[in-house]
Amino acid sequence: MRTAILFLAGLLAATPAFADDKSDVLATVKAYVDDFNKGDTAAASALCTGQAVVIDDFAPHIWQGATACADWAAALEAFAKTQGITDPKVATGKPKALSTTGDRAYAVLPAKYTYKQHGKPVNEPGLFTFSMQKLDTAWRITGWSWASE
């Protein structure tokens, strides 16, 4: 009996706590935003799964599949050129919703998208929503959406 209790205690100690999962989810969101802000679309895209779905407010509004995050980034770059948009940056706030259930997670963060349009500063508040899956020991983005407020 004592051996079984020690075995279970060891398993519980090796299992990550839910708080750690939530911190790790937010760390993945932060890494994605940081990579976007640096213009490193390859690094940002590497945080997405092969089944990712991206929904945004410019046409075609949805990208999905193995290259969804990279395809979205390329489409944003093309859209920005047609609209005279430069210097895009995203900042996120404290999560409005954050939950983990097993290997799945959901996070909603207030965000601010700032850029210059034809040289004039624009400040676009919105909500950045993420769905994630824990693959091996890392959280990866299965989907995200942007909604302007």
Protein backbone atom coordinates (compact mmCIF):
# COMPACT_ATOMS: atom_id res chain seq x y z
CA MET A 1 0.00 0.00 0.00
CA ARG A 2 2.76 2.42 0.93
CA THR A 3 4.49 1.72 -2.43
CA ALA A 4 1.27 2.55 -4.29
CA ILE A 5 0.88 5.82 -2.39
CA LEU A 6 4.47 6.81 -3.11
CA PHE A 7 3.99 5.89 -6.78
CA LEU A 8 0.84 8.04 -7.02
CA ALA A 9 2.54 10.90 -5.20
CA GLY A 10 5.38 10.74 -7.71
CA LEU A 11 2.93 10.83 -10.62
CA LEU A 12 1.12 13.82 -9.17
CA ALA A 13 4.39 15.65 -8.61
CA ALA A 14 5.37 15.01 -12.24
CA THR A 15 2.00 16.25 -13.58
CA PRO A 16 2.02 19.95 -14.39
CA ALA A 17 -0.40 22.04 -12.38
CA PHE A 18 -3.29 23.80 -14.08
CA ALA A 19 -1.81 27.17 -13.10
CA ASP A 20 1.37 26.22 -14.93
CA ASP A 21 -0.66 25.26 -18.00
CA LYS A 22 -2.39 28.65 -17.97
CA SER A 23 0.96 30.40 -17.64
CA ASP A 24 2.33 28.31 -20.49
CA VAL A 25 -0.69 29.13 -22.67
CA LEU A 26 -0.12 32.84 -22.07
CA ALA A 27 3.59 32.40 -22.77
CA THR A 28 2.72 30.94 -26.19
CA VAL A 29 0.38 33.88 -26.91
CA LYS A 30 3.12 36.28 -25.83
CA ALA A 31 5.67 34.53 -28.06
CA TYR A 32 3.27 34.73 -31.03
CA VAL A 33 2.65 38.45 -30.44
CA ASP A 34 6.35 39.15 -29.87
CA ASP A 35 7.26 37.34 -33.11
CA PHE A 36 4.59 39.31 -34.99
CA ASN A 37 5.88 42.58 -33.54
CA LYS A 38 9.44 41.71 -34.65
CA GLY A 39 8.17 40.84 -38.13
CA ASP A 40 9.30 37.22 -37.67
CA THR A 41 6.39 35.49 -39.38
CA ALA A 42 8.31 32.20 -39.63
CA ALA A 43 8.72 32.01 -35.85
CA ALA A 44 5.11 33.06 -35.25
CA SER A 45 3.85 30.49 -37.77
CA ALA A 46 5.89 27.76 -36.10
CA LEU A 47 3.66 28.19 -33.04
CA CYS A 48 0.61 27.09 -35.05
CA THR A 49 -0.53 23.53 -35.62
CA GLY A 50 -1.05 21.98 -39.04
CA GLN A 51 -4.81 22.31 -38.63
CA ALA A 52 -4.84 25.97 -37.59
CA VAL A 53 -7.64 28.33 -38.51
CA VAL A 54 -7.19 32.12 -38.57
CA ILE A 55 -10.12 34.54 -38.76
CA ASP A 56 -9.50 38.25 -39.28
CA ASP A 57 -11.42 41.31 -40.44
CA PHE A 58 -9.87 41.64 -43.92
CA ALA A 59 -10.62 39.46 -46.94
CA PRO A 60 -10.67 36.56 -47.42
CA HIS A 61 -11.34 36.56 -43.62
CA ILE A 62 -10.33 32.92 -43.05
CA TRP A 63 -7.12 30.92 -43.53
CA GLN A 64 -6.88 27.28 -42.59
CA GLY A 65 -4.61 24.28 -42.76
CA ALA A 66 -0.93 23.58 -42.47
CA THR A 67 0.14 27.05 -43.67
CA ALA A 68 -2.77 29.10 -42.26
CA CYS A 69 -0.66 31.34 -40.02
CA ALA A 70 1.97 31.98 -42.71
CA ASP A 71 -0.72 32.53 -45.35
CA TRP A 72 -2.48 35.03 -43.06
CA ALA A 73 0.80 36.90 -42.49
CA ALA A 74 1.43 37.13 -46.24
CA ALA A 75 -2.15 38.32 -46.83
CA LEU A 76 -1.79 40.94 -44.07
CA GLU A 77 1.41 42.22 -45.65
CA ALA A 78 -0.28 42.52 -49.05
CA PHE A 79 -3.35 44.18 -47.50
CA ALA A 80 -1.16 46.62 -45.56
CA LYS A 81 0.59 47.68 -48.76
CA THR A 82 -2.71 48.45 -50.48
CA GLN A 83 -3.90 50.45 -47.46
CA GLY A 84 -0.70 52.37 -46.76
CA ILE A 85 -0.23 50.62 -43.42
CA THR A 86 3.21 50.49 -41.81
CA ASP A 87 4.71 49.76 -38.39
CA PRO A 88 2.10 47.23 -37.18
CA LYS A 89 2.28 46.22 -33.52
CA VAL A 90 0.01 44.31 -31.16
CA ALA A 91 -0.16 44.64 -27.39
CA THR A 92 -2.31 42.36 -25.24
CA GLY A 93 -3.83 42.90 -21.82
CA LYS A 94 -4.93 40.72 -18.95
CA PRO A 95 -7.04 37.76 -20.16
CA LYS A 96 -10.81 38.16 -20.08
CA ALA A 97 -11.10 34.37 -20.30
CA LEU A 98 -8.50 31.66 -19.85
CA SER A 99 -9.22 27.98 -19.41
CA THR A 100 -7.48 24.68 -19.89
CA THR A 101 -9.12 21.28 -20.11
CA GLY A 102 -6.67 18.44 -20.50
CA ASP A 103 -4.65 19.16 -23.63
CA ARG A 104 -6.93 22.01 -24.85
CA ALA A 105 -6.97 25.68 -23.98
CA TYR A 106 -8.98 28.81 -24.73
CA ALA A 107 -7.87 32.39 -24.15
CA VAL A 108 -9.49 35.76 -24.85
CA LEU A 109 -7.34 38.84 -24.40
CA PRO A 110 -8.09 42.51 -24.92
CA ALA A 111 -5.62 43.82 -27.42
CA LYS A 112 -4.53 46.96 -29.15
CA TYR A 113 -3.40 46.93 -32.77
CA THR A 114 -1.41 50.05 -33.57
CA TYR A 115 0.02 51.08 -36.92
CA LYS A 116 0.51 54.04 -39.17
CA GLN A 117 -1.78 54.53 -42.12
CA HIS A 118 -0.38 56.96 -44.68
CA GLY A 119 1.91 58.18 -41.90
CA LYS A 120 -0.87 58.87 -39.36
CA PRO A 121 -1.04 56.81 -36.14
CA VAL A 122 -4.01 54.46 -35.78
CA ASN A 123 -5.03 52.73 -32.57
CA GLU A 124 -7.44 49.82 -33.03
CA PRO A 125 -8.71 48.15 -29.86
CA GLY A 126 -9.97 44.60 -30.18
CA LEU A 127 -10.19 41.11 -28.81
CA PHE A 128 -7.65 38.43 -29.63
CA THR A 129 -9.08 34.93 -29.11
CA PHE A 130 -6.96 31.78 -29.18
CA SER A 131 -7.66 28.06 -29.12
CA MET A 132 -4.71 25.81 -28.34
CA GLN A 133 -3.62 22.24 -27.98
CA LYS A 134 -0.79 20.89 -25.89
CA LEU A 135 1.44 18.78 -28.12
CA ASP A 136 4.11 16.88 -26.24
CA THR A 137 5.04 19.51 -23.65
CA ALA A 138 4.33 22.69 -25.63
CA TRP A 139 1.11 24.62 -26.26
CA ARG A 140 0.45 25.30 -29.94
CA ILE A 141 -2.16 27.50 -31.60
CA THR A 142 -5.01 25.61 -33.26
CA GLY A 143 -6.81 28.82 -34.12
CA TRP A 144 -7.05 32.48 -33.45
CA SER A 145 -9.37 35.33 -34.33
CA TRP A 146 -9.32 39.09 -34.18
CA ALA A 147 -12.39 41.23 -33.55
CA SER A 148 -12.21 45.01 -33.54
CA GLU A 149 -14.10 46.69 -30.71
